[in-house]
PDB file of N, CA and C in Angstrom:
ATOM      1  N   UNK A   1       0.821  -1.202   0.000  1.00  0.00           N
ATOM      2  CA  UNK A   1       0.000   0.000   0.000  1.00  0.00           C
ATOM      3  C   UNK A   1       0.861   1.261   0.000  1.00  0.00           C
ATOM      4  N   UNK A   2       0.299   2.321  -0.520  1.00  0.00           N
ATOM      5  CA  UNK A   2       0.939   3.636  -0.522  1.00  0.00           C
ATOM      6  C   UNK A   2       0.412   4.405   0.685  1.00  0.00           C
ATOM      7  N   UNK A   3       1.324   4.838   1.551  1.00  0.00           N
ATOM      8  CA  UNK A   3       0.937   5.529   2.776  1.00  0.00           C
ATOM      9  C   UNK A   3       1.472   6.950   2.742  1.00  0.00           C
ATOM     10  N   UNK A   4       0.581   7.911   2.953  1.00  0.00           N
ATOM     11  CA  UNK A   4       0.951   9.328   2.968  1.00  0.00           C
ATOM     12  C   UNK A   4       0.720   9.862   4.382  1.00  0.00           C
ATOM     13  N   UNK A   5       1.779  10.426   4.969  1.00  0.00           N
ATOM     14  CA  UNK A   5       1.700  10.969   6.321  1.00  0.00           C
ATOM     15  C   UNK A   5       1.921  12.475   6.263  1.00  0.00           C
ATOM     16  N   UNK A   6       1.058  13.236   6.907  1.00  0.00           N
ATOM     17  CA  UNK A   6       1.279  14.679   7.015  1.00  0.00           C
ATOM     18  C   UNK A   6       1.115  15.082   8.481  1.00  0.00           C
ATOM     19  N   UNK A   7       1.933  16.056   8.879  1.00  0.00           N
ATOM     20  CA  UNK A   7       1.954  16.514  10.253  1.00  0.00           C
ATOM     21  C   UNK A   7       1.962  18.037  10.272  1.00  0.00           C
ATOM     22  N   UNK A   8       1.270  18.613  11.245  1.00  0.00           N
ATOM     23  CA  UNK A   8       1.312  20.065  11.407  1.00  0.00           C
ATOM     24  C   UNK A   8       1.066  20.390  12.882  1.00  0.00           C
ATOM     25  N   UNK A   9       1.480  21.578  13.270  1.00  0.00           N
ATOM     26  CA  UNK A   9       1.210  22.040  14.627  1.00  0.00           C
ATOM     27  C   UNK A   9       0.493  23.378  14.563  1.00  0.00           C
ATOM     28  N   UNK A  10      -0.375  23.590  15.512  1.00  0.00           N
ATOM     29  CA  UNK A  10      -1.065  24.860  15.683  1.00  0.00           C
ATOM     30  C   UNK A  10      -0.869  25.293  17.122  1.00  0.00           C
ATOM     31  N   UNK A  11      -0.702  26.578  17.320  1.00  0.00           N
ATOM     32  CA  UNK A  11      -0.528  27.090  18.677  1.00  0.00           C
ATOM     33  C   UNK A  11      -1.547  28.184  18.953  1.00  0.00           C
ATOM     34  N   UNK A  12      -1.879  28.305  20.228  1.00  0.00           N
ATOM     35  CA  UNK A  12      -2.817  29.342  20.658  1.00  0.00           C
ATOM     36  C   UNK A  12      -2.338  29.863  22.012  1.00  0.00           C
ATOM     37  N   UNK A  13      -2.102  31.160  22.089  1.00  0.00           N
ATOM     38  CA  UNK A  13      -1.684  31.789  23.344  1.00  0.00           C
ATOM     39  C   UNK A  13      -2.901  31.863  24.256  1.00  0.00           C
ATOM     40  N   UNK A  14      -2.847  31.227  25.413  1.00  0.00           N
ATOM     41  CA  UNK A  14      -3.981  31.225  26.334  1.00  0.00           C
ATOM     42  C   UNK A  14      -3.930  32.399  27.303  1.00  0.00           C
ATOM     43  N   UNK A  15      -2.741  32.682  27.814  1.00  0.00           N
ATOM     44  CA  UNK A  15      -2.523  33.870  28.642  1.00  0.00           C
ATOM     45  C   UNK A  15      -1.047  34.226  28.527  1.00  0.00           C
ATOM     46  N   UNK A  16      -0.553  35.097  29.385  1.00  0.00           N
ATOM     47  CA  UNK A  16       0.834  35.573  29.260  1.00  0.00           C
ATOM     48  C   UNK A  16       1.863  34.455  29.323  1.00  0.00           C
ATOM     49  N   UNK A  17       1.582  33.386  30.056  1.00  0.00           N
ATOM     50  CA  UNK A  17       2.561  32.316  30.243  1.00  0.00           C
ATOM     51  C   UNK A  17       2.128  30.958  29.716  1.00  0.00           C
ATOM     52  N   UNK A  18       0.912  30.796  29.253  1.00  0.00           N
ATOM     53  CA  UNK A  18       0.398  29.491  28.832  1.00  0.00           C
ATOM     54  C   UNK A  18       0.112  29.455  27.336  1.00  0.00           C
ATOM     55  N   UNK A  19       0.518  28.353  26.721  1.00  0.00           N
ATOM     56  CA  UNK A  19       0.324  28.162  25.289  1.00  0.00           C
ATOM     57  C   UNK A  19      -0.281  26.777  25.062  1.00  0.00           C
ATOM     58  N   UNK A  20      -1.310  26.723  24.228  1.00  0.00           N
ATOM     59  CA  UNK A  20      -1.860  25.441  23.802  1.00  0.00           C
ATOM     60  C   UNK A  20      -1.186  25.070  22.489  1.00  0.00           C
ATOM     61  N   UNK A  21      -0.636  23.864  22.424  1.00  0.00           N
ATOM     62  CA  UNK A  21      -0.002  23.361  21.206  1.00  0.00           C
ATOM     63  C   UNK A  21      -0.772  22.114  20.785  1.00  0.00           C
ATOM     64  N   UNK A  22      -1.178  22.078  19.501  1.00  0.00           N
ATOM     65  CA  UNK A  22      -1.902  20.933  18.955  1.00  0.00           C
ATOM     66  C   UNK A  22      -1.067  20.334  17.832  1.00  0.00           C
ATOM     67  N   UNK A  23      -0.714  19.062  17.988  1.00  0.00           N
ATOM     68  CA  UNK A  23      -0.007  18.315  16.953  1.00  0.00           C
ATOM     69  C   UNK A  23      -1.043  17.482  16.207  1.00  0.00           C
ATOM     70  N   UNK A  24      -1.178  17.730  14.910  1.00  0.00           N
ATOM     71  CA  UNK A  24      -2.150  17.002  14.086  1.00  0.00           C
ATOM     72  C   UNK A  24      -1.412  16.088  13.127  1.00  0.00           C
ATOM     73  N   UNK A  25      -1.826  14.829  13.087  1.00  0.00           N
ATOM     74  CA  UNK A  25      -1.227  13.841  12.192  1.00  0.00           C
ATOM     75  C   UNK A  25      -2.340  13.232  11.355  1.00  0.00           C
ATOM     76  N   UNK A  26      -2.148  13.243  10.037  1.00  0.00           N
ATOM     77  CA  UNK A  26      -3.106  12.640   9.107  1.00  0.00           C
ATOM     78  C   UNK A  26      -2.379  11.575   8.304  1.00  0.00           C
ATOM     79  N   UNK A  27      -2.978  10.383   8.231  1.00  0.00           N
ATOM     80  CA  UNK A  27      -2.388   9.283   7.480  1.00  0.00           C
ATOM     81  C   UNK A  27      -3.438   8.745   6.518  1.00  0.00           C
ATOM     82  N   UNK A  28      -3.056   8.696   5.241  1.00  0.00           N
ATOM     83  CA  UNK A  28      -3.917   8.136   4.206  1.00  0.00           C
ATOM     84  C   UNK A  28      -3.207   6.939   3.595  1.00  0.00           C
ATOM     85  N   UNK A  29      -3.910   5.815   3.520  1.00  0.00           N
ATOM     86  CA  UNK A  29      -3.338   4.622   2.904  1.00  0.00           C
ATOM     87  C   UNK A  29      -4.199   4.209   1.723  1.00  0.00           C
ATOM     88  N   UNK A  30      -3.528   3.892   0.595  1.00  0.00           N
ATOM     89  CA  UNK A  30      -4.217   3.453  -0.616  1.00  0.00           C
ATOM     90  C   UNK A  30      -3.523   2.222  -1.178  1.00  0.00           C
ATOM     91  N   UNK A  31      -4.297   1.415  -1.840  1.00  0.00           N
ATOM     92  CA  UNK A  31      -3.761   0.263  -2.567  1.00  0.00           C
ATOM     93  C   UNK A  31      -4.453   0.226  -3.924  1.00  0.00           C
ATOM     94  N   UNK A  32      -3.681   0.239  -4.973  1.00  0.00           N
ATOM     95  CA  UNK A  32      -4.227   0.278  -6.338  1.00  0.00           C
ATOM     96  C   UNK A  32      -5.204   1.438  -6.515  1.00  0.00           C
ATOM     97  N   UNK A  33      -4.827   2.602  -5.952  1.00  0.00           N
ATOM     98  CA  UNK A  33      -5.620   3.834  -6.027  1.00  0.00           C
ATOM     99  C   UNK A  33      -6.985   3.725  -5.351  1.00  0.00           C
ATOM    100  N   UNK A  34      -7.152   2.714  -4.507  1.00  0.00           N
ATOM    101  CA  UNK A  34      -8.379   2.568  -3.721  1.00  0.00           C
ATOM    102  C   UNK A  34      -8.023   2.843  -2.260  1.00  0.00           C
ATOM    103  N   UNK A  35      -8.815   3.661  -1.590  1.00  0.00           N
ATOM    104  CA  UNK A  35      -8.502   3.983  -0.194  1.00  0.00           C
ATOM    105  C   UNK A  35      -8.631   2.766   0.721  1.00  0.00           C
ATOM    106  N   UNK A  36      -7.640   2.595   1.580  1.00  0.00           N
ATOM    107  CA  UNK A  36      -7.688   1.550   2.608  1.00  0.00           C
ATOM    108  C   UNK A  36      -8.160   2.129   3.933  1.00  0.00           C
ATOM    109  N   UNK A  37      -7.533   3.235   4.334  1.00  0.00           N
ATOM    110  CA  UNK A  37      -7.967   3.901   5.549  1.00  0.00           C
ATOM    111  C   UNK A  37      -7.457   5.338   5.582  1.00  0.00           C
ATOM    112  N   UNK A  38      -8.105   6.131   6.427  1.00  0.00           N
ATOM    113  CA  UNK A  38      -7.726   7.509   6.694  1.00  0.00           C
ATOM    114  C   UNK A  38      -7.789   7.690   8.206  1.00  0.00           C
ATOM    115  N   UNK A  39      -6.671   8.088   8.794  1.00  0.00           N
ATOM    116  CA  UNK A  39      -6.605   8.311  10.242  1.00  0.00           C
ATOM    117  C   UNK A  39      -6.159   9.745  10.475  1.00  0.00           C
ATOM    118  N   UNK A  40      -6.857  10.431  11.367  1.00  0.00           N
ATOM    119  CA  UNK A  40      -6.452  11.776  11.744  1.00  0.00           C
ATOM    120  C   UNK A  40      -6.496  11.878  13.269  1.00  0.00           C
ATOM    121  N   UNK A  41      -5.376  12.303  13.840  1.00  0.00           N
ATOM    122  CA  UNK A  41      -5.263  12.427  15.292  1.00  0.00           C
ATOM    123  C   UNK A  41      -4.817  13.850  15.617  1.00  0.00           C
ATOM    124  N   UNK A  42      -5.468  14.445  16.617  1.00  0.00           N
ATOM    125  CA  UNK A  42      -5.085  15.758  17.128  1.00  0.00           C
ATOM    126  C   UNK A  42      -4.712  15.564  18.596  1.00  0.00           C
ATOM    127  N   UNK A  43      -3.437  15.728  18.909  1.00  0.00           N
ATOM    128  CA  UNK A  43      -2.965  15.592  20.287  1.00  0.00           C
ATOM    129  C   UNK A  43      -2.595  16.981  20.789  1.00  0.00           C
ATOM    130  N   UNK A  44      -3.198  17.400  21.879  1.00  0.00           N
ATOM    131  CA  UNK A  44      -2.983  18.757  22.376  1.00  0.00           C
ATOM    132  C   UNK A  44      -2.403  18.751  23.782  1.00  0.00           C
ATOM    133  N   UNK A  45      -1.725  19.838  24.104  1.00  0.00           N
ATOM    134  CA  UNK A  45      -1.201  20.033  25.448  1.00  0.00           C
ATOM    135  C   UNK A  45      -1.143  21.506  25.763  1.00  0.00           C
ATOM    136  N   UNK A  46      -1.249  21.830  27.039  1.00  0.00           N
ATOM    137  CA  UNK A  46      -1.104  23.206  27.496  1.00  0.00           C
ATOM    138  C   UNK A  46       0.232  23.289  28.223  1.00  0.00           C
ATOM    139  N   UNK A  47       1.065  24.216  27.789  1.00  0.00           N
ATOM    140  CA  UNK A  47       2.422  24.342  28.308  1.00  0.00           C
ATOM    141  C   UNK A  47       2.615  25.716  28.928  1.00  0.00           C
ATOM    142  N   UNK A  48       3.261  25.754  30.098  1.00  0.00           N
ATOM    143  CA  UNK A  48       3.653  27.006  30.733  1.00  0.00           C
ATOM    144  C   UNK A  48       5.068  27.324  30.256  1.00  0.00           C
ATOM    145  N   UNK A  49       5.218  28.437  29.569  1.00  0.00           N
ATOM    146  CA  UNK A  49       6.516  28.847  29.024  1.00  0.00           C
ATOM    147  C   UNK A  49       6.869  30.180  29.688  1.00  0.00           C
ATOM    148  N   UNK A  50       7.730  30.096  30.698  1.00  0.00           N
ATOM    149  CA  UNK A  50       8.030  31.259  31.537  1.00  0.00           C
ATOM    150  C   UNK A  50       9.541  31.477  31.600  1.00  0.00           C
ATOM    151  N   UNK A  51       9.972  32.726  31.470  1.00  0.00           N
ATOM    152  CA  UNK A  51      11.366  33.076  31.689  1.00  0.00           C
ATOM    153  C   UNK A  51      12.286  32.878  30.500  1.00  0.00           C
ATOM    154  N   UNK A  52      11.756  32.924  29.296  1.00  0.00           N
ATOM    155  CA  UNK A  52      12.572  32.740  28.093  1.00  0.00           C
ATOM    156  C   UNK A  52      12.433  33.964  27.199  1.00  0.00           C
ATOM    157  N   UNK A  53      13.495  34.254  26.428  1.00  0.00           N
ATOM    158  CA  UNK A  53      13.386  35.338  25.455  1.00  0.00           C
ATOM    159  C   UNK A  53      12.574  34.838  24.253  1.00  0.00           C
ATOM    160  N   UNK A  54      12.273  35.715  23.309  1.00  0.00           N
ATOM    161  CA  UNK A  54      11.401  35.353  22.185  1.00  0.00           C
ATOM    162  C   UNK A  54      11.967  34.216  21.323  1.00  0.00           C
ATOM    163  N   UNK A  55      13.282  34.213  21.062  1.00  0.00           N
ATOM    164  CA  UNK A  55      13.890  33.157  20.245  1.00  0.00           C
ATOM    165  C   UNK A  55      13.787  31.810  20.953  1.00  0.00           C
ATOM    166  N   UNK A  56      14.085  31.788  22.247  1.00  0.00           N
ATOM    167  CA  UNK A  56      13.987  30.545  23.018  1.00  0.00           C
ATOM    168  C   UNK A  56      12.541  30.084  23.109  1.00  0.00           C
ATOM    169  N   UNK A  57      11.647  31.026  23.312  1.00  0.00           N
ATOM    170  CA  UNK A  57      10.215  30.716  23.400  1.00  0.00           C
ATOM    171  C   UNK A  57       9.715  30.090  22.089  1.00  0.00           C
ATOM    172  N   UNK A  58      10.148  30.652  20.961  1.00  0.00           N
ATOM    173  CA  UNK A  58       9.766  30.096  19.664  1.00  0.00           C
ATOM    174  C   UNK A  58      10.274  28.684  19.484  1.00  0.00           C
ATOM    175  N   UNK A  59      11.501  28.423  19.916  1.00  0.00           N
ATOM    176  CA  UNK A  59      12.079  27.078  19.800  1.00  0.00           C
ATOM    177  C   UNK A  59      11.351  26.083  20.706  1.00  0.00           C
ATOM    178  N   UNK A  60      10.990  26.521  21.891  1.00  0.00           N
ATOM    179  CA  UNK A  60      10.272  25.633  22.813  1.00  0.00           C
ATOM    180  C   UNK A  60       8.903  25.272  22.241  1.00  0.00           C
ATOM    181  N   UNK A  61       8.185  26.275  21.765  1.00  0.00           N
ATOM    182  CA  UNK A  61       6.835  26.040  21.234  1.00  0.00           C
ATOM    183  C   UNK A  61       6.889  25.290  19.903  1.00  0.00           C
ATOM    184  N   UNK A  62       7.885  25.576  19.073  1.00  0.00           N
ATOM    185  CA  UNK A  62       7.964  24.957  17.754  1.00  0.00           C
ATOM    186  C   UNK A  62       8.640  23.606  17.716  1.00  0.00           C
ATOM    187  N   UNK A  63       9.435  23.272  18.740  1.00  0.00           N
ATOM    188  CA  UNK A  63      10.192  22.022  18.711  1.00  0.00           C
ATOM    189  C   UNK A  63       9.938  21.155  19.940  1.00  0.00           C
ATOM    190  N   UNK A  64      10.176  21.714  21.120  1.00  0.00           N
ATOM    191  CA  UNK A  64      10.091  20.927  22.350  1.00  0.00           C
ATOM    192  C   UNK A  64       8.663  20.436  22.615  1.00  0.00           C
ATOM    193  N   UNK A  65       7.686  21.324  22.518  1.00  0.00           N
ATOM    194  CA  UNK A  65       6.297  20.949  22.808  1.00  0.00           C
ATOM    195  C   UNK A  65       5.783  19.852  21.865  1.00  0.00           C
ATOM    196  N   UNK A  66       5.972  19.970  20.529  1.00  0.00           N
ATOM    197  CA  UNK A  66       5.535  18.880  19.660  1.00  0.00           C
ATOM    198  C   UNK A  66       6.247  17.551  19.952  1.00  0.00           C
ATOM    199  N   UNK A  67       7.519  17.614  20.371  1.00  0.00           N
ATOM    200  CA  UNK A  67       8.235  16.372  20.679  1.00  0.00           C
ATOM    201  C   UNK A  67       7.680  15.704  21.930  1.00  0.00           C
ATOM    202  N   UNK A  68       7.100  16.480  22.837  1.00  0.00           N
ATOM    203  CA  UNK A  68       6.439  15.912  24.019  1.00  0.00           C
ATOM    204  C   UNK A  68       5.121  15.250  23.615  1.00  0.00           C
ATOM    205  N   UNK A  69       4.393  15.855  22.683  1.00  0.00           N
ATOM    206  CA  UNK A  69       3.089  15.339  22.267  1.00  0.00           C
ATOM    207  C   UNK A  69       3.182  14.140  21.326  1.00  0.00           C
ATOM    208  N   UNK A  70       4.260  14.051  20.550  1.00  0.00           N
ATOM    209  CA  UNK A  70       4.362  13.044  19.495  1.00  0.00           C
ATOM    210  C   UNK A  70       4.179  11.595  19.970  1.00  0.00           C
ATOM    211  N   UNK A  71       4.822  11.162  21.059  1.00  0.00           N
ATOM    212  CA  UNK A  71       4.633   9.753  21.453  1.00  0.00           C
ATOM    213  C   UNK A  71       3.171   9.390  21.728  1.00  0.00           C
ATOM    214  N   UNK A  72       2.413  10.320  22.273  1.00  0.00           N
ATOM    215  CA  UNK A  72       0.996  10.060  22.541  1.00  0.00           C
ATOM    216  C   UNK A  72       0.194   9.979  21.243  1.00  0.00           C
ATOM    217  N   UNK A  73       0.487  10.877  20.310  1.00  0.00           N
ATOM    218  CA  UNK A  73      -0.190  10.847  19.012  1.00  0.00           C
ATOM    219  C   UNK A  73       0.192   9.586  18.251  1.00  0.00           C
ATOM    220  N   UNK A  74       1.458   9.215  18.325  1.00  0.00           N
ATOM    221  CA  UNK A  74       1.954   8.002  17.651  1.00  0.00           C
ATOM    222  C   UNK A  74       1.222   6.758  18.158  1.00  0.00           C
ATOM    223  N   UNK A  75       1.040   6.670  19.472  1.00  0.00           N
ATOM    224  CA  UNK A  75       0.328   5.538  20.062  1.00  0.00           C
ATOM    225  C   UNK A  75      -1.135   5.529  19.641  1.00  0.00           C
ATOM    226  N   UNK A  76      -1.762   6.709  19.596  1.00  0.00           N
ATOM    227  CA  UNK A  76      -3.171   6.798  19.186  1.00  0.00           C
ATOM    228  C   UNK A  76      -3.339   6.346  17.736  1.00  0.00           C
ATOM    229  N   UNK A  77      -2.423   6.752  16.855  1.00  0.00           N
ATOM    230  CA  UNK A  77      -2.481   6.332  15.449  1.00  0.00           C
ATOM    231  C   UNK A  77      -2.364   4.818  15.350  1.00  0.00           C
ATOM    232  N   UNK A  78      -1.383   4.263  16.015  1.00  0.00           N
ATOM    233  CA  UNK A  78      -1.171   2.818  15.975  1.00  0.00           C
ATOM    234  C   UNK A  78      -2.396   2.068  16.477  1.00  0.00           C
ATOM    235  N   UNK A  79      -2.959   2.535  17.584  1.00  0.00           N
ATOM    236  CA  UNK A  79      -4.129   1.889  18.165  1.00  0.00           C
ATOM    237  C   UNK A  79      -5.328   1.953  17.220  1.00  0.00           C
ATOM    238  N   UNK A  80      -5.552   3.107  16.592  1.00  0.00           N
ATOM    239  CA  UNK A  80      -6.683   3.243  15.667  1.00  0.00           C
ATOM    240  C   UNK A  80      -6.548   2.313  14.453  1.00  0.00           C
ATOM    241  N   UNK A  81      -5.335   2.238  13.919  1.00  0.00           N
ATOM    242  CA  UNK A  81      -5.117   1.396  12.744  1.00  0.00           C
ATOM    243  C   UNK A  81      -5.340  -0.074  13.094  1.00  0.00           C
ATOM    244  N   UNK A  82      -4.811  -0.518  14.220  1.00  0.00           N
ATOM    245  CA  UNK A  82      -4.979  -1.915  14.634  1.00  0.00           C
ATOM    246  C   UNK A  82      -6.447  -2.223  14.901  1.00  0.00           C
ATOM    247  N   UNK A  83      -7.137  -1.317  15.601  1.00  0.00           N
ATOM    248  CA  UNK A  83      -8.562  -1.532  15.899  1.00  0.00           C
ATOM    249  C   UNK A  83      -9.413  -1.552  14.625  1.00  0.00           C
ATOM    250  N   UNK A  84      -8.910  -0.925  13.582  1.00  0.00           N
ATOM    251  CA  UNK A  84      -9.611  -0.936  12.299  1.00  0.00           C
ATOM    252  C   UNK A  84      -9.358  -2.200  11.496  1.00  0.00           C
ATOM    253  N   UNK A  85      -8.563  -3.119  12.049  1.00  0.00           N
ATOM    254  CA  UNK A  85      -8.317  -4.391  11.378  1.00  0.00           C
ATOM    255  C   UNK A  85      -7.179  -4.356  10.371  1.00  0.00           C
ATOM    256  N   UNK A  86      -6.380  -3.305  10.403  1.00  0.00           N
ATOM    257  CA  UNK A  86      -5.258  -3.181   9.477  1.00  0.00           C
ATOM    258  C   UNK A  86      -3.974  -3.659  10.156  1.00  0.00           C
ATOM    259  N   UNK A  87      -2.952  -3.942   9.349  1.00  0.00           N
ATOM    260  CA  UNK A  87      -1.664  -4.320   9.947  1.00  0.00           C
ATOM    261  C   UNK A  87      -1.081  -3.168  10.771  1.00  0.00           C
ATOM    262  N   UNK A  88      -0.197  -3.526  11.667  1.00  0.00           N
ATOM    263  CA  UNK A  88       0.421  -2.541  12.565  1.00  0.00           C
ATOM    264  C   UNK A  88       1.085  -1.426  11.769  1.00  0.00           C
ATOM    265  N   UNK A  89       0.837  -0.186  12.189  1.00  0.00           N
ATOM    266  CA  UNK A  89       1.477   0.977  11.597  1.00  0.00           C
ATOM    267  C   UNK A  89       2.124   1.754  12.725  1.00  0.00           C
ATOM    268  N   UNK A  90       3.450   1.797  12.727  1.00  0.00           N
ATOM    269  CA  UNK A  90       4.178   2.519  13.754  1.00  0.00           C
ATOM    270  C   UNK A  90       4.950   3.646  13.098  1.00  0.00           C
ATOM    271  N   UNK A  91       4.597   4.873  13.438  1.00  0.00           N
ATOM    272  CA  UNK A  91       5.273   6.033  12.862  1.00  0.00           C
ATOM    273  C   UNK A  91       6.713   6.105  13.345  1.00  0.00           C
ATOM    274  N   UNK A  92       7.604   6.489  12.454  1.00  0.00           N
ATOM    275  CA  UNK A  92       9.007   6.656  12.802  1.00  0.00           C
ATOM    276  C   UNK A  92       9.171   7.909  13.660  1.00  0.00           C
ATOM    277  N   UNK A  93      10.194   7.925  14.526  1.00  0.00           N
ATOM    278  CA  UNK A  93      10.444   9.133  15.321  1.00  0.00           C
ATOM    279  C   UNK A  93      10.701  10.343  14.425  1.00  0.00           C
ATOM    280  N   UNK A  94      10.359  11.513  14.921  1.00  0.00           N
ATOM    281  CA  UNK A  94      10.525  12.760  14.173  1.00  0.00           C
ATOM    282  C   UNK A  94      11.486  13.653  14.942  1.00  0.00           C
ATOM    283  N   UNK A  95      12.441  14.237  14.240  1.00  0.00           N
ATOM    284  CA  UNK A  95      13.375  15.194  14.839  1.00  0.00           C
ATOM    285  C   UNK A  95      12.748  16.584  14.708  1.00  0.00           C
ATOM    286  N   UNK A  96      12.011  17.004  15.722  1.00  0.00           N
ATOM    287  CA  UNK A  96      11.314  18.282  15.667  1.00  0.00           C
ATOM    288  C   UNK A  96      12.282  19.463  15.700  1.00  0.00           C
ATOM    289  N   UNK A  97      13.489  19.264  16.253  1.00  0.00           N
ATOM    290  CA  UNK A  97      14.500  20.328  16.210  1.00  0.00           C
ATOM    291  C   UNK A  97      14.855  20.644  14.763  1.00  0.00           C
ATOM    292  N   UNK A  98      15.071  19.596  13.953  1.00  0.00           N
ATOM    293  CA  UNK A  98      15.419  19.781  12.543  1.00  0.00           C
ATOM    294  C   UNK A  98      14.248  20.379  11.762  1.00  0.00           C
ATOM    295  N   UNK A  99      13.045  19.931  12.065  1.00  0.00           N
ATOM    296  CA  UNK A  99      11.858  20.463  11.387  1.00  0.00           C
ATOM    297  C   UNK A  99      11.698  21.949  11.701  1.00  0.00           C
ATOM    298  N   UNK A 100      11.899  22.326  12.955  1.00  0.00           N
ATOM    299  CA  UNK A 100      11.781  23.730  13.351  1.00  0.00           C
ATOM    300  C   UNK A 100      12.862  24.570  12.671  1.00  0.00           C
ATOM    301  N   UNK A 101      14.087  24.063  12.646  1.00  0.00           N
ATOM    302  CA  UNK A 101      15.187  24.789  11.985  1.00  0.00           C
ATOM    303  C   UNK A 101      14.898  24.967  10.505  1.00  0.00           C
ATOM    304  N   UNK A 102      14.363  23.939   9.876  1.00  0.00           N
ATOM    305  CA  UNK A 102      14.023  24.017   8.457  1.00  0.00           C
ATOM    306  C   UNK A 102      12.901  25.039   8.228  1.00  0.00           C
ATOM    307  N   UNK A 103      11.951  25.093   9.140  1.00  0.00           N
ATOM    308  CA  UNK A 103      10.859  26.060   9.047  1.00  0.00           C
ATOM    309  C   UNK A 103      11.398  27.484   9.151  1.00  0.00           C
ATOM    310  N   UNK A 104      12.348  27.706  10.051  1.00  0.00           N
ATOM    311  CA  UNK A 104      12.938  29.026  10.201  1.00  0.00           C
ATOM    312  C   UNK A 104      13.707  29.428   8.935  1.00  0.00           C
ATOM    313  N   UNK A 105      14.435  28.497   8.340  1.00  0.00           N
ATOM    314  CA  UNK A 105      15.181  28.795   7.115  1.00  0.00           C
ATOM    315  C   UNK A 105      14.230  29.112   5.970  1.00  0.00           C
ATOM    316  N   UNK A 106      13.116  28.387   5.895  1.00  0.00           N
ATOM    317  CA  UNK A 106      12.133  28.610   4.851  1.00  0.00           C
ATOM    318  C   UNK A 106      11.397  29.918   5.026  1.00  0.00           C
ATOM    319  N   UNK A 107      11.336  30.408   6.260  1.00  0.00           N
ATOM    320  CA  UNK A 107      10.619  31.651   6.530  1.00  0.00           C
ATOM    321  C   UNK A 107      11.391  32.857   5.978  1.00  0.00           C
ATOM    322  N   UNK A 108      12.714  32.726   5.894  1.00  0.00           N
ATOM    323  CA  UNK A 108      13.527  33.799   5.336  1.00  0.00           C
ATOM    324  C   UNK A 108      13.793  34.899   6.337  1.00  0.00           C
ATOM    325  N   UNK A 109      14.658  35.838   5.963  1.00  0.00           N
ATOM    326  CA  UNK A 109      15.006  36.931   6.883  1.00  0.00           C
ATOM    327  C   UNK A 109      13.822  37.854   7.112  1.00  0.00           C
ATOM    328  N   UNK A 110      13.715  38.306   8.351  1.00  0.00           N
ATOM    329  CA  UNK A 110      12.663  39.257   8.685  1.00  0.00           C
ATOM    330  C   UNK A 110      11.343  38.615   9.053  1.00  0.00           C
ATOM    331  N   UNK A 111      11.240  37.293   8.938  1.00  0.00           N
ATOM    332  CA  UNK A 111       9.994  36.618   9.306  1.00  0.00           C
ATOM    333  C   UNK A 111       9.971  36.356  10.792  1.00  0.00           C
ATOM    334  N   UNK A 112       8.780  36.339  11.354  1.00  0.00           N
ATOM    335  CA  UNK A 112       8.647  36.088  12.790  1.00  0.00           C
ATOM    336  C   UNK A 112       8.853  34.617  13.076  1.00  0.00           C
ATOM    337  N   UNK A 113       9.503  34.300  14.174  1.00  0.00           N
ATOM    338  CA  UNK A 113       9.745  32.899  14.551  1.00  0.00           C
ATOM    339  C   UNK A 113       8.569  32.338  15.292  1.00  0.00           C
TER     340      UNK A 113
END
């Protein structure tokens, strides 16, 4: 089967020190251009981010927080796929530090972190 995985994060400032981070994972599997399954998981957490400058705060929210949420989302995806009667699907670990760095490079100079 052909498996397509997409991941994204959304953040929402709750108050001066609290941020909600949502890690969304969507997996689509097809065989011979026929859909086998579609799984979408949203794993969220509320994080207190206190005592950091803006660059550090951006790195924590963009890298550290998603890396905390990922194992829970990974387990939920695996559980849903197995309960659906499909073979085991275990997502590979993600280096969120590298993803965040790549996002910053893609944003270009003058973009907000």
